[in-house]
Protein backbone atom coordinates (compact mmCIF):
# COMPACT_ATOMS: atom_id res chain seq x y z
CA MET A 1 -11.77 -43.27 -9.90
CA LEU A 2 -10.38 -41.35 -6.92
CA PRO A 3 -12.09 -41.70 -3.53
CA GLU A 4 -14.10 -38.79 -2.22
CA SER A 5 -12.56 -36.36 0.24
CA THR A 6 -12.85 -37.28 3.88
CA ASN A 7 -11.16 -34.18 5.26
CA GLY A 8 -8.87 -36.39 7.29
CA THR A 9 -11.76 -37.98 9.19
CA GLY A 10 -10.87 -41.57 8.35
CA GLY A 11 -12.82 -43.96 6.19
CA GLY A 12 -9.92 -44.82 3.90
CA GLY A 13 -10.56 -41.96 1.49
CA LEU A 14 -8.31 -39.22 0.29
CA ALA A 15 -7.42 -36.85 3.12
CA VAL A 16 -7.83 -33.26 1.91
CA PRO A 17 -6.44 -30.44 4.09
CA MET A 18 -9.72 -28.52 4.11
CA ALA A 19 -9.07 -26.63 7.35
CA TRP A 20 -5.77 -25.23 6.07
CA LEU A 21 -7.13 -24.49 2.60
CA CYS A 22 -10.08 -22.66 4.14
CA ALA A 23 -7.77 -20.63 6.41
CA GLU A 24 -5.51 -19.78 3.49
CA TYR A 25 -8.48 -18.73 1.35
CA ILE A 26 -9.78 -16.45 4.10
CA ALA A 27 -6.34 -14.90 4.60
CA ASP A 28 -5.99 -14.35 0.86
CA GLU A 29 -9.41 -12.68 0.61
CA VAL A 30 -8.79 -10.44 3.62
CA LEU A 31 -5.42 -9.29 2.26
CA ARG A 32 -6.72 -8.76 -1.28
CA THR A 33 -9.65 -6.74 0.04
CA GLY A 34 -7.28 -4.55 2.05
CA GLY A 35 -5.14 -3.85 -1.00
CA LEU A 36 -2.12 -3.08 1.18
CA VAL A 37 0.52 -4.83 -0.90
CA GLU A 38 0.75 -6.23 -4.39
CA THR A 39 -0.47 -9.81 -4.70
CA GLY A 40 2.33 -12.14 -5.70
CA SER A 41 4.92 -10.21 -3.68
CA LEU A 42 6.88 -11.68 -0.79
CA GLU A 43 5.20 -9.15 1.47
CA PHE A 44 1.77 -10.45 0.41
CA ARG A 45 2.87 -14.03 1.01
CA ALA A 46 4.20 -13.11 4.46
CA GLY A 47 0.85 -11.52 5.34
CA ARG A 48 -1.17 -14.42 3.89
CA GLU A 49 0.86 -17.13 5.63
CA THR A 50 0.81 -15.26 8.96
CA LEU A 51 -2.91 -14.63 8.77
CA ALA A 52 -3.69 -18.17 7.56
CA LEU A 53 -1.70 -19.62 10.44
CA THR A 54 -3.57 -17.38 12.86
CA VAL A 55 -6.97 -18.36 11.44
CA TYR A 56 -6.07 -22.06 11.42
CA LEU A 57 -4.66 -22.11 14.95
CA CYS A 58 -7.65 -20.26 16.41
CA GLU A 59 -9.68 -23.41 15.77
CA GLY A 60 -9.43 -26.50 17.97
CA PRO A 61 -7.66 -29.56 16.57
CA GLU A 62 -10.62 -31.80 17.30
CA GLU A 63 -13.01 -29.84 15.08
CA PRO A 64 -13.49 -31.83 11.86
CA GLU A 65 -15.27 -29.09 9.91
CA LEU A 66 -14.19 -25.48 10.24
CA VAL A 67 -16.84 -22.84 9.89
CA ARG A 68 -15.40 -19.37 9.87
CA THR A 69 -17.60 -16.34 10.27
CA VAL A 70 -17.17 -12.64 10.70
CA SER A 71 -17.60 -13.18 14.43
CA ARG A 72 -14.06 -14.62 14.46
CA LEU A 73 -12.54 -11.31 13.35
CA ASP A 74 -12.21 -10.05 16.93
CA GLU A 75 -10.23 -13.13 17.92
CA TRP A 76 -7.94 -12.78 14.90
CA LEU A 77 -7.42 -9.11 15.71
CA SER A 78 -6.47 -9.88 19.30
CA ARG A 79 -4.01 -12.60 18.21
CA THR A 80 -2.29 -10.30 15.71
CA ALA A 81 -2.38 -7.19 17.93
CA TYR A 82 0.75 -5.32 18.91
CA GLY A 83 2.17 -6.74 22.13
CA HIS A 84 0.56 -10.16 21.76
CA PRO A 85 3.29 -12.82 21.91
CA TRP A 86 2.31 -14.23 18.52
CA PRO A 87 5.33 -16.49 17.83
CA GLU A 88 5.09 -18.05 21.29
CA TRP A 89 1.34 -18.55 20.80
CA VAL A 90 2.00 -20.25 17.44
CA ARG A 91 4.61 -22.57 18.97
CA GLU A 92 2.25 -23.54 21.81
CA ARG A 93 -0.71 -24.16 19.48
CA MET A 94 1.44 -26.14 17.04
CA ALA A 95 2.76 -28.30 19.90
CA ALA A 96 -0.81 -28.95 21.04
CA ARG A 97 -1.82 -29.91 17.49
CA GLU A 98 1.20 -32.22 17.20
CA ALA A 99 0.33 -33.89 20.52
CA PHE A 100 -3.25 -34.36 19.29
CA GLU A 101 -1.94 -35.79 16.01
CA ARG A 102 0.12 -38.38 17.89
CA ASP A 103 -3.10 -39.60 19.55
CA VAL A 104 -4.87 -40.28 16.25
CA THR A 105 -3.97 -42.99 13.76
CA GLU A 106 -3.70 -40.87 10.62
CA PRO A 107 -1.39 -37.89 10.01
CA ASP A 108 -3.16 -34.54 9.73
CA PRO A 109 -2.65 -33.02 6.26
CA ASP A 110 -3.71 -29.59 7.59
CA LEU A 111 -1.01 -29.67 10.25
CA ALA A 112 1.63 -30.58 7.68
CA LEU A 113 0.78 -27.46 5.65
CA ALA A 114 0.68 -25.33 8.79
CA ARG A 115 4.15 -26.61 9.74
CA ASP A 116 5.45 -25.69 6.28
CA ALA A 117 3.98 -22.19 6.59
CA TRP A 118 5.51 -21.67 10.04
CA ARG A 119 8.92 -22.88 8.85
CA TRP A 120 8.75 -20.47 5.91
CA LEU A 121 7.73 -17.56 8.15
CA GLU A 122 10.56 -18.23 10.59
CA ARG A 123 13.33 -18.91 8.06
CA THR A 124 12.55 -16.37 5.38
CA GLU A 125 13.88 -12.89 6.01
CA LEU A 126 12.62 -9.79 4.27
CA LEU A 127 14.37 -6.46 3.88
CA VAL A 128 12.24 -3.75 5.49
CA ALA A 129 12.66 -0.13 6.51
CA ASP A 130 14.46 0.22 9.83
CA LEU A 131 12.02 2.09 12.03
CA GLY A 132 14.14 1.71 15.13
CA ASP A 133 13.45 -0.71 17.94
CA GLU A 134 12.21 -4.06 16.55
CA SER A 135 9.65 -4.44 19.32
CA GLY A 136 7.94 -1.27 18.08
CA LEU A 137 8.41 -2.04 14.39
CA TRP A 138 4.77 -1.62 13.49
CA HIS A 139 2.88 -0.21 16.43
CA PRO A 140 0.43 2.33 14.98
CA ALA A 141 0.27 4.44 18.15
CA LEU A 142 3.98 5.16 18.21
CA PRO A 143 4.89 8.36 16.37
CA LEU A 144 7.84 8.13 14.02
CA GLU A 145 10.64 10.30 15.28
CA PRO A 146 11.98 12.74 12.68
CA ALA A 147 15.44 11.21 13.15
CA VAL A 148 14.31 7.87 11.66
CA ASP A 149 15.95 7.25 8.30
CA GLU A 150 13.37 5.23 6.35
CA SER A 151 15.92 4.47 3.64
CA ALA A 152 17.91 2.42 6.17
CA GLN A 153 16.83 -1.20 5.96
CA VAL A 154 17.12 -4.31 8.13
CA TRP A 155 16.48 -8.01 7.59
CA THR A 156 13.60 -9.41 9.62
CA PRO A 157 11.74 -12.74 9.73
CA ALA A 158 8.75 -12.79 7.37
CA TRP A 159 6.25 -13.11 10.21
CA ARG A 160 7.39 -9.75 11.65
CA LEU A 161 6.17 -8.05 8.50
CA GLY A 162 3.20 -10.38 7.95
CA LEU A 163 1.78 -9.84 11.41
CA PRO A 164 1.06 -6.09 11.19
CA LEU A 165 0.03 -6.50 7.55
CA GLY A 166 -2.52 -9.16 8.50
CA HIS A 167 -3.72 -7.12 11.47
CA LEU A 168 -4.28 -4.02 9.37
CA ALA A 169 -5.98 -6.04 6.62
CA ILE A 170 -8.43 -7.47 9.18
CA HIS A 171 -9.27 -3.91 10.28
CA LEU A 172 -9.93 -2.93 6.66
CA TYR A 173 -11.99 -6.01 5.91
């Protein structure tokens, strides 16, 4: 018989990455509710991984049980907002989690999945419409100039597409 889940809290049982699974479930539900892209597509995965990483990293590493409520939506919106240095924020939060992990005796299964998601988001490139300057790739307040050729495409890291997708999905949630 397998030991019961301990959610990584010690006790010699099976460590289940509940914080990451919860974050991924929330991201999946938010994106499905928004209906912005087809589930199963790379675009959907980019949005889900970006949003899950945001949800997961908004919590403190010392919190054993994560309780996510609608009150967290504002924080998720601010983290995914245009102009927020999201990749730098992710790197800082991941470094803090890794430092915390070094202080505890057991590896954090949630952090391992978060690392995998971040690696995928950084290394995977998606072909998207070239809307001009990358820094303004998705800003909703910027009008598209008539000279923009939407059939022209560029390769961009998955998080660059996932970030505005997740942000818009939160608004629609």
